[in-house]
Structures are given as C-alpha cells and as structure tokens.
Amino acid sequence: MAMLQVECRDCGAAFSLRGWIEPEDLIGTQWEGYTKQDIVNAEKENPRIFDGLDPWDKFESNEICSFCGSSNIVSF
C-alpha cells in the first residue's frame, strides 16, 4: 500500500500520509460506522467509492503543511 512522504521547507516537519481508507476516515460521511471488512466489500463493488477521502487524497486537494500551514512543501 502506498504512502506519501511530505516535508515542510519552512518548519522542517516530516510526515507520511496513507493512501487507503480506514474507518476513521469515514466519520461524518454516509459510510460512518463501516468496519474494515465493510470497506473491503464496498471497494470490491465500486473501487472508486471512497475517492478523495483518504489522507493522501485530502492532502492533494490542499497541499499545505499540517503543522505550520505553509505551502512550501516537498512530497514524494
């Protein structure tokens, strides 16, 4: 499973973001309460069902440091 590494050039923070869905990512959505098995089953039916909800996708929609808010970051 893929991980995105992020480093902030301003504050020096370094962190990793996962590219898959966990139950806590679904809080506040119509899928809140799904277990890991529910997630697996839903993704088998529709592989794109949770697009945009994992930490990596959320970061890509707003590429800033989660510690200082700077947009001066490097990701790989």
PDB file of N, CA and C in Angstrom:
ATOM      1  N   MET A   1       0.842  -1.176   0.000  1.00  0.00           N
ATOM      2  CA  MET A   1       0.000   0.000   0.000  1.00  0.00           C
ATOM      3  C   MET A   1       0.885   1.236   0.000  1.00  0.00           C
ATOM      4  N   ALA A   2       0.440   2.232  -0.703  1.00  0.00           N
ATOM      5  CA  ALA A   2       1.252   3.426  -0.935  1.00  0.00           C
ATOM      6  C   ALA A   2       1.197   4.412   0.234  1.00  0.00           C
ATOM      7  N   MET A   3       2.327   5.063   0.443  1.00  0.00           N
ATOM      8  CA  MET A   3       2.441   6.136   1.439  1.00  0.00           C
ATOM      9  C   MET A   3       3.065   7.339   0.749  1.00  0.00           C
ATOM     10  N   LEU A   4       2.586   8.528   1.078  1.00  0.00           N
ATOM     11  CA  LEU A   4       3.146   9.764   0.557  1.00  0.00           C
ATOM     12  C   LEU A   4       3.988  10.393   1.654  1.00  0.00           C
ATOM     13  N   GLN A   5       5.236  10.702   1.347  1.00  0.00           N
ATOM     14  CA  GLN A   5       6.127  11.370   2.292  1.00  0.00           C
ATOM     15  C   GLN A   5       6.058  12.866   2.026  1.00  0.00           C
ATOM     16  N   VAL A   6       5.924  13.656   3.084  1.00  0.00           N
ATOM     17  CA  VAL A   6       5.823  15.105   2.948  1.00  0.00           C
ATOM     18  C   VAL A   6       6.835  15.751   3.878  1.00  0.00           C
ATOM     19  N   GLU A   7       7.559  16.734   3.369  1.00  0.00           N
ATOM     20  CA  GLU A   7       8.500  17.510   4.176  1.00  0.00           C
ATOM     21  C   GLU A   7       8.211  18.983   3.968  1.00  0.00           C
ATOM     22  N   CYS A   8       8.176  19.739   5.072  1.00  0.00           N
ATOM     23  CA  CYS A   8       7.944  21.175   5.012  1.00  0.00           C
ATOM     24  C   CYS A   8       9.291  21.885   4.996  1.00  0.00           C
ATOM     25  N   ARG A   9       9.470  22.762   4.047  1.00  0.00           N
ATOM     26  CA  ARG A   9      10.727  23.505   3.940  1.00  0.00           C
ATOM     27  C   ARG A   9      10.785  24.666   4.929  1.00  0.00           C
ATOM     28  N   ASP A  10       9.650  25.057   5.491  1.00  0.00           N
ATOM     29  CA  ASP A  10       9.635  26.171   6.435  1.00  0.00           C
ATOM     30  C   ASP A  10       9.851  25.719   7.883  1.00  0.00           C
ATOM     31  N   CYS A  11       9.039  24.788   8.364  1.00  0.00           N
ATOM     32  CA  CYS A  11       9.164  24.378   9.771  1.00  0.00           C
ATOM     33  C   CYS A  11       9.979  23.104   9.953  1.00  0.00           C
ATOM     34  N   GLY A  12      10.282  22.398   8.863  1.00  0.00           N
ATOM     35  CA  GLY A  12      11.090  21.188   8.943  1.00  0.00           C
ATOM     36  C   GLY A  12      10.313  19.930   9.286  1.00  0.00           C
ATOM     37  N   ALA A  13       9.002  20.039   9.423  1.00  0.00           N
ATOM     38  CA  ALA A  13       8.191  18.863   9.748  1.00  0.00           C
ATOM     39  C   ALA A  13       8.257  17.846   8.613  1.00  0.00           C
ATOM     40  N   ALA A  14       8.229  16.588   8.989  1.00  0.00           N
ATOM     41  CA  ALA A  14       8.191  15.493   8.025  1.00  0.00           C
ATOM     42  C   ALA A  14       7.111  14.519   8.488  1.00  0.00           C
ATOM     43  N   PHE A  15       6.256  14.133   7.561  1.00  0.00           N
ATOM     44  CA  PHE A  15       5.189  13.214   7.929  1.00  0.00           C
ATOM     45  C   PHE A  15       4.804  12.358   6.735  1.00  0.00           C
ATOM     46  N   SER A  16       4.117  11.266   7.015  1.00  0.00           N
ATOM     47  CA  SER A  16       3.669  10.326   5.986  1.00  0.00           C
ATOM     48  C   SER A  16       2.152  10.294   5.969  1.00  0.00           C
ATOM     49  N   LEU A  17       1.610  10.122   4.791  1.00  0.00           N
ATOM     50  CA  LEU A  17       0.165  10.020   4.634  1.00  0.00           C
ATOM     51  C   LEU A  17      -0.161   8.728   3.903  1.00  0.00           C
ATOM     52  N   ARG A  18      -1.139   7.999   4.425  1.00  0.00           N
ATOM     53  CA  ARG A  18      -1.502   6.741   3.785  1.00  0.00           C
ATOM     54  C   ARG A  18      -2.463   6.987   2.648  1.00  0.00           C
ATOM     55  N   GLY A  19      -2.443   6.076   1.699  1.00  0.00           N
ATOM     56  CA  GLY A  19      -3.286   6.192   0.519  1.00  0.00           C
ATOM     57  C   GLY A  19      -4.418   5.183   0.512  1.00  0.00           C
ATOM     58  N   TRP A  20      -4.899   4.799   1.656  1.00  0.00           N
ATOM     59  CA  TRP A  20      -6.022   3.867   1.724  1.00  0.00           C
ATOM     60  C   TRP A  20      -6.977   4.322   2.819  1.00  0.00           C
ATOM     61  N   ILE A  21      -8.181   3.801   2.767  1.00  0.00           N
ATOM     62  CA  ILE A  21      -9.254   4.193   3.677  1.00  0.00           C
ATOM     63  C   ILE A  21      -9.228   3.340   4.942  1.00  0.00           C
ATOM     64  N   GLU A  22      -9.416   4.002   6.065  1.00  0.00           N
ATOM     65  CA  GLU A  22      -9.617   3.358   7.360  1.00  0.00           C
ATOM     66  C   GLU A  22     -10.970   3.841   7.884  1.00  0.00           C
ATOM     67  N   PRO A  23     -11.585   3.113   8.815  1.00  0.00           N
ATOM     68  CA  PRO A  23     -12.902   3.525   9.321  1.00  0.00           C
ATOM     69  C   PRO A  23     -12.956   4.970   9.832  1.00  0.00           C
ATOM     70  N   GLU A  24     -11.888   5.467  10.446  1.00  0.00           N
ATOM     71  CA  GLU A  24     -11.914   6.840  10.969  1.00  0.00           C
ATOM     72  C   GLU A  24     -11.999   7.889   9.859  1.00  0.00           C
ATOM     73  N   ASP A  25     -11.619   7.531   8.636  1.00  0.00           N
ATOM     74  CA  ASP A  25     -11.721   8.460   7.504  1.00  0.00           C
ATOM     75  C   ASP A  25     -13.171   8.680   7.079  1.00  0.00           C
ATOM     76  N   LEU A  26     -14.047   7.801   7.502  1.00  0.00           N
ATOM     77  CA  LEU A  26     -15.438   7.845   7.056  1.00  0.00           C
ATOM     78  C   LEU A  26     -16.365   8.546   8.040  1.00  0.00           C
ATOM     79  N   ILE A  27     -15.829   9.015   9.161  1.00  0.00           N
ATOM     80  CA  ILE A  27     -16.636   9.745  10.141  1.00  0.00           C
ATOM     81  C   ILE A  27     -17.170  11.015   9.483  1.00  0.00           C
ATOM     82  N   GLY A  28     -18.451  11.236   9.635  1.00  0.00           N
ATOM     83  CA  GLY A  28     -19.091  12.404   9.041  1.00  0.00           C
ATOM     84  C   GLY A  28     -19.542  12.204   7.605  1.00  0.00           C
ATOM     85  N   THR A  29     -19.384  10.991   7.096  1.00  0.00           N
ATOM     86  CA  THR A  29     -19.838  10.684   5.737  1.00  0.00           C
ATOM     87  C   THR A  29     -21.017   9.715   5.822  1.00  0.00           C
ATOM     88  N   GLN A  30     -21.599   9.412   4.688  1.00  0.00           N
ATOM     89  CA  GLN A  30     -22.705   8.453   4.669  1.00  0.00           C
ATOM     90  C   GLN A  30     -22.251   7.049   5.038  1.00  0.00           C
ATOM     91  N   TRP A  31     -20.931   6.814   5.037  1.00  0.00           N
ATOM     92  CA  TRP A  31     -20.392   5.492   5.355  1.00  0.00           C
ATOM     93  C   TRP A  31     -19.873   5.395   6.786  1.00  0.00           C
ATOM     94  N   GLU A  32     -20.152   6.387   7.606  1.00  0.00           N
ATOM     95  CA  GLU A  32     -19.710   6.352   9.000  1.00  0.00           C
ATOM     96  C   GLU A  32     -20.217   5.071   9.657  1.00  0.00           C
ATOM     97  N   GLY A  33     -19.351   4.423  10.401  1.00  0.00           N
ATOM     98  CA  GLY A  33     -19.715   3.169  11.044  1.00  0.00           C
ATOM     99  C   GLY A  33     -19.260   1.940  10.277  1.00  0.00           C
ATOM    100  N   TYR A  34     -18.747   2.130   9.060  1.00  0.00           N
ATOM    101  CA  TYR A  34     -18.227   0.997   8.301  1.00  0.00           C
ATOM    102  C   TYR A  34     -17.011   0.415   9.015  1.00  0.00           C
ATOM    103  N   THR A  35     -16.945  -0.898   9.024  1.00  0.00           N
ATOM    104  CA  THR A  35     -15.772  -1.595   9.543  1.00  0.00           C
ATOM    105  C   THR A  35     -14.774  -1.779   8.404  1.00  0.00           C
ATOM    106  N   LYS A  36     -13.597  -2.290   8.747  1.00  0.00           N
ATOM    107  CA  LYS A  36     -12.604  -2.564   7.697  1.00  0.00           C
ATOM    108  C   LYS A  36     -13.165  -3.539   6.667  1.00  0.00           C
ATOM    109  N   GLN A  37     -13.906  -4.537   7.130  1.00  0.00           N
ATOM    110  CA  GLN A  37     -14.488  -5.509   6.197  1.00  0.00           C
ATOM    111  C   GLN A  37     -15.555  -4.862   5.322  1.00  0.00           C
ATOM    112  N   ASP A  38     -16.359  -3.962   5.901  1.00  0.00           N
ATOM    113  CA  ASP A  38     -17.353  -3.239   5.096  1.00  0.00           C
ATOM    114  C   ASP A  38     -16.667  -2.430   3.999  1.00  0.00           C
ATOM    115  N   ILE A  39     -15.530  -1.814   4.340  1.00  0.00           N
ATOM    116  CA  ILE A  39     -14.767  -1.024   3.371  1.00  0.00           C
ATOM    117  C   ILE A  39     -14.275  -1.916   2.240  1.00  0.00           C
ATOM    118  N   VAL A  40     -13.705  -3.066   2.596  1.00  0.00           N
ATOM    119  CA  VAL A  40     -13.211  -4.011   1.587  1.00  0.00           C
ATOM    120  C   VAL A  40     -14.350  -4.433   0.658  1.00  0.00           C
ATOM    121  N   ASN A  41     -15.489  -4.776   1.234  1.00  0.00           N
ATOM    122  CA  ASN A  41     -16.631  -5.214   0.427  1.00  0.00           C
ATOM    123  C   ASN A  41     -17.128  -4.101  -0.499  1.00  0.00           C
ATOM    124  N   ALA A  42     -17.216  -2.883   0.013  1.00  0.00           N
ATOM    125  CA  ALA A  42     -17.684  -1.752  -0.800  1.00  0.00           C
ATOM    126  C   ALA A  42     -16.714  -1.463  -1.937  1.00  0.00           C
ATOM    127  N   GLU A  43     -15.412  -1.558  -1.658  1.00  0.00           N
ATOM    128  CA  GLU A  43     -14.411  -1.299  -2.700  1.00  0.00           C
ATOM    129  C   GLU A  43     -14.392  -2.390  -3.763  1.00  0.00           C
ATOM    130  N   LYS A  44     -14.791  -3.613  -3.398  1.00  0.00           N
ATOM    131  CA  LYS A  44     -14.899  -4.677  -4.404  1.00  0.00           C
ATOM    132  C   LYS A  44     -16.026  -4.362  -5.382  1.00  0.00           C
ATOM    133  N   GLU A  45     -17.129  -3.823  -4.869  1.00  0.00           N
ATOM    134  CA  GLU A  45     -18.267  -3.468  -5.720  1.00  0.00           C
ATOM    135  C   GLU A  45     -17.980  -2.230  -6.564  1.00  0.00           C
ATOM    136  N   ASN A  46     -17.307  -1.245  -5.962  1.00  0.00           N
ATOM    137  CA  ASN A  46     -17.005   0.012  -6.655  1.00  0.00           C
ATOM    138  C   ASN A  46     -15.637   0.506  -6.173  1.00  0.00           C
ATOM    139  N   PRO A  47     -14.575   0.227  -6.914  1.00  0.00           N
ATOM    140  CA  PRO A  47     -13.221   0.592  -6.483  1.00  0.00           C
ATOM    141  C   PRO A  47     -13.012   2.087  -6.242  1.00  0.00           C
ATOM    142  N   ARG A  48     -13.862   2.934  -6.778  1.00  0.00           N
ATOM    143  CA  ARG A  48     -13.692   4.386  -6.632  1.00  0.00           C
ATOM    144  C   ARG A  48     -14.660   4.998  -5.622  1.00  0.00           C
ATOM    145  N   ILE A  49     -15.344   4.167  -4.859  1.00  0.00           N
ATOM    146  CA  ILE A  49     -16.397   4.647  -3.964  1.00  0.00           C
ATOM    147  C   ILE A  49     -15.892   5.664  -2.933  1.00  0.00           C
ATOM    148  N   PHE A  50     -14.669   5.501  -2.469  1.00  0.00           N
ATOM    149  CA  PHE A  50     -14.156   6.381  -1.418  1.00  0.00           C
ATOM    150  C   PHE A  50     -13.117   7.381  -1.929  1.00  0.00           C
ATOM    151  N   ASP A  51     -13.105   7.628  -3.237  1.00  0.00           N
ATOM    152  CA  ASP A  51     -12.145   8.583  -3.803  1.00  0.00           C
ATOM    153  C   ASP A  51     -12.221   9.923  -3.073  1.00  0.00           C
ATOM    154  N   GLY A  52     -11.063  10.450  -2.731  1.00  0.00           N
ATOM    155  CA  GLY A  52     -10.985  11.755  -2.087  1.00  0.00           C
ATOM    156  C   GLY A  52     -11.080  11.736  -0.583  1.00  0.00           C
ATOM    157  N   LEU A  53     -11.268  10.569   0.031  1.00  0.00           N
ATOM    158  CA  LEU A  53     -11.469  10.517   1.473  1.00  0.00           C
ATOM    159  C   LEU A  53     -10.249  10.072   2.272  1.00  0.00           C
ATOM    160  N   ASP A  54      -9.267   9.447   1.622  1.00  0.00           N
ATOM    161  CA  ASP A  54      -8.093   9.013   2.380  1.00  0.00           C
ATOM    162  C   ASP A  54      -7.162  10.210   2.608  1.00  0.00           C
ATOM    163  N   PRO A  55      -6.264  10.131   3.595  1.00  0.00           N
ATOM    164  CA  PRO A  55      -5.388  11.263   3.919  1.00  0.00           C
ATOM    165  C   PRO A  55      -4.566  11.785   2.741  1.00  0.00           C
ATOM    166  N   TRP A  56      -4.094  10.912   1.884  1.00  0.00           N
ATOM    167  CA  TRP A  56      -3.296  11.325   0.722  1.00  0.00           C
ATOM    168  C   TRP A  56      -4.147  12.180  -0.219  1.00  0.00           C
ATOM    169  N   ASP A  57      -5.347  11.695  -0.545  1.00  0.00           N
ATOM    170  CA  ASP A  57      -6.240  12.444  -1.429  1.00  0.00           C
ATOM    171  C   ASP A  57      -6.607  13.800  -0.832  1.00  0.00           C
ATOM    172  N   LYS A  58      -6.887  13.832   0.465  1.00  0.00           N
ATOM    173  CA  LYS A  58      -7.230  15.096   1.120  1.00  0.00           C
ATOM    174  C   LYS A  58      -6.065  16.077   1.031  1.00  0.00           C
ATOM    175  N   PHE A  59      -4.848  15.582   1.213  1.00  0.00           N
ATOM    176  CA  PHE A  59      -3.666  16.436   1.122  1.00  0.00           C
ATOM    177  C   PHE A  59      -3.524  17.005  -0.284  1.00  0.00           C
ATOM    178  N   GLU A  60      -3.727  16.167  -1.297  1.00  0.00           N
ATOM    179  CA  GLU A  60      -3.569  16.619  -2.682  1.00  0.00           C
ATOM    180  C   GLU A  60      -4.574  17.702  -3.063  1.00  0.00           C
ATOM    181  N   SER A  61      -5.689  17.778  -2.367  1.00  0.00           N
ATOM    182  CA  SER A  61      -6.663  18.830  -2.666  1.00  0.00           C
ATOM    183  C   SER A  61      -6.311  20.141  -1.965  1.00  0.00           C
ATOM    184  N   ASN A  62      -5.361  20.099  -1.013  1.00  0.00           N
ATOM    185  CA  ASN A  62      -4.933  21.291  -0.283  1.00  0.00           C
ATOM    186  C   ASN A  62      -3.521  21.039   0.242  1.00  0.00           C
ATOM    187  N   GLU A  63      -2.524  21.215  -0.608  1.00  0.00           N
ATOM    188  CA  GLU A  63      -1.146  20.851  -0.277  1.00  0.00           C
ATOM    189  C   GLU A  63      -0.482  21.883   0.634  1.00  0.00           C
ATOM    190  N   ILE A  64      -0.726  21.711   1.948  1.00  0.00           N
ATOM    191  CA  ILE A  64      -0.073  22.556   2.945  1.00  0.00           C
ATOM    192  C   ILE A  64       0.451  21.686   4.078  1.00  0.00           C
ATOM    193  N   CYS A  65       1.416  22.229   4.820  1.00  0.00           N
ATOM    194  CA  CYS A  65       1.963  21.531   5.985  1.00  0.00           C
ATOM    195  C   CYS A  65       0.886  21.466   7.063  1.00  0.00           C
ATOM    196  N   SER A  66       0.661  20.298   7.615  1.00  0.00           N
ATOM    197  CA  SER A  66      -0.365  20.149   8.646  1.00  0.00           C
ATOM    198  C   SER A  66       0.095  20.698   9.993  1.00  0.00           C
ATOM    199  N   PHE A  67       1.369  21.068  10.106  1.00  0.00           N
ATOM    200  CA  PHE A  67       1.890  21.617  11.351  1.00  0.00           C
ATOM    201  C   PHE A  67       1.908  23.142  11.352  1.00  0.00           C
ATOM    202  N   CYS A  68       2.379  23.764  10.266  1.00  0.00           N
ATOM    203  CA  CYS A  68       2.515  25.225  10.254  1.00  0.00           C
ATOM    204  C   CYS A  68       1.642  25.909   9.209  1.00  0.00           C
ATOM    205  N   GLY A  69       1.035  25.149   8.313  1.00  0.00           N
ATOM    206  CA  GLY A  69       0.157  25.721   7.301  1.00  0.00           C
ATOM    207  C   GLY A  69       0.862  26.249   6.063  1.00  0.00           C
ATOM    208  N   SER A  70       2.176  26.075   5.995  1.00  0.00           N
ATOM    209  CA  SER A  70       2.945  26.562   4.851  1.00  0.00           C
ATOM    210  C   SER A  70       2.661  25.723   3.606  1.00  0.00           C
ATOM    211  N   SER A  71       2.700  26.375   2.462  1.00  0.00           N
ATOM    212  CA  SER A  71       2.571  25.648   1.201  1.00  0.00           C
ATOM    213  C   SER A  71       3.945  25.349   0.605  1.00  0.00           C
ATOM    214  N   ASN A  72       4.998  25.678   1.337  1.00  0.00           N
ATOM    215  CA  ASN A  72       6.373  25.440   0.888  1.00  0.00           C
ATOM    216  C   ASN A  72       6.778  24.024   1.300  1.00  0.00           C
ATOM    217  N   ILE A  73       6.226  23.048   0.609  1.00  0.00           N
ATOM    218  CA  ILE A  73       6.430  21.637   0.961  1.00  0.00           C
ATOM    219  C   ILE A  73       6.975  20.861  -0.229  1.00  0.00           C
ATOM    220  N   VAL A  74       7.546  19.710   0.088  1.00  0.00           N
ATOM    221  CA  VAL A  74       8.001  18.760  -0.920  1.00  0.00           C
ATOM    222  C   VAL A  74       7.325  17.437  -0.591  1.00  0.00           C
ATOM    223  N   SER A  75       6.781  16.786  -1.597  1.00  0.00           N
ATOM    224  CA  SER A  75       6.168  15.472  -1.366  1.00  0.00           C
ATOM    225  C   SER A  75       6.710  14.486  -2.381  1.00  0.00           C
ATOM    226  N   PHE A  76       6.868  13.252  -1.929  1.00  0.00           N
ATOM    227  CA  PHE A  76       7.390  12.196  -2.791  1.00  0.00           C
ATOM    228  C   PHE A  76       6.898  10.852  -2.318  1.00  0.00           C
TER     229      PHE A  76
END
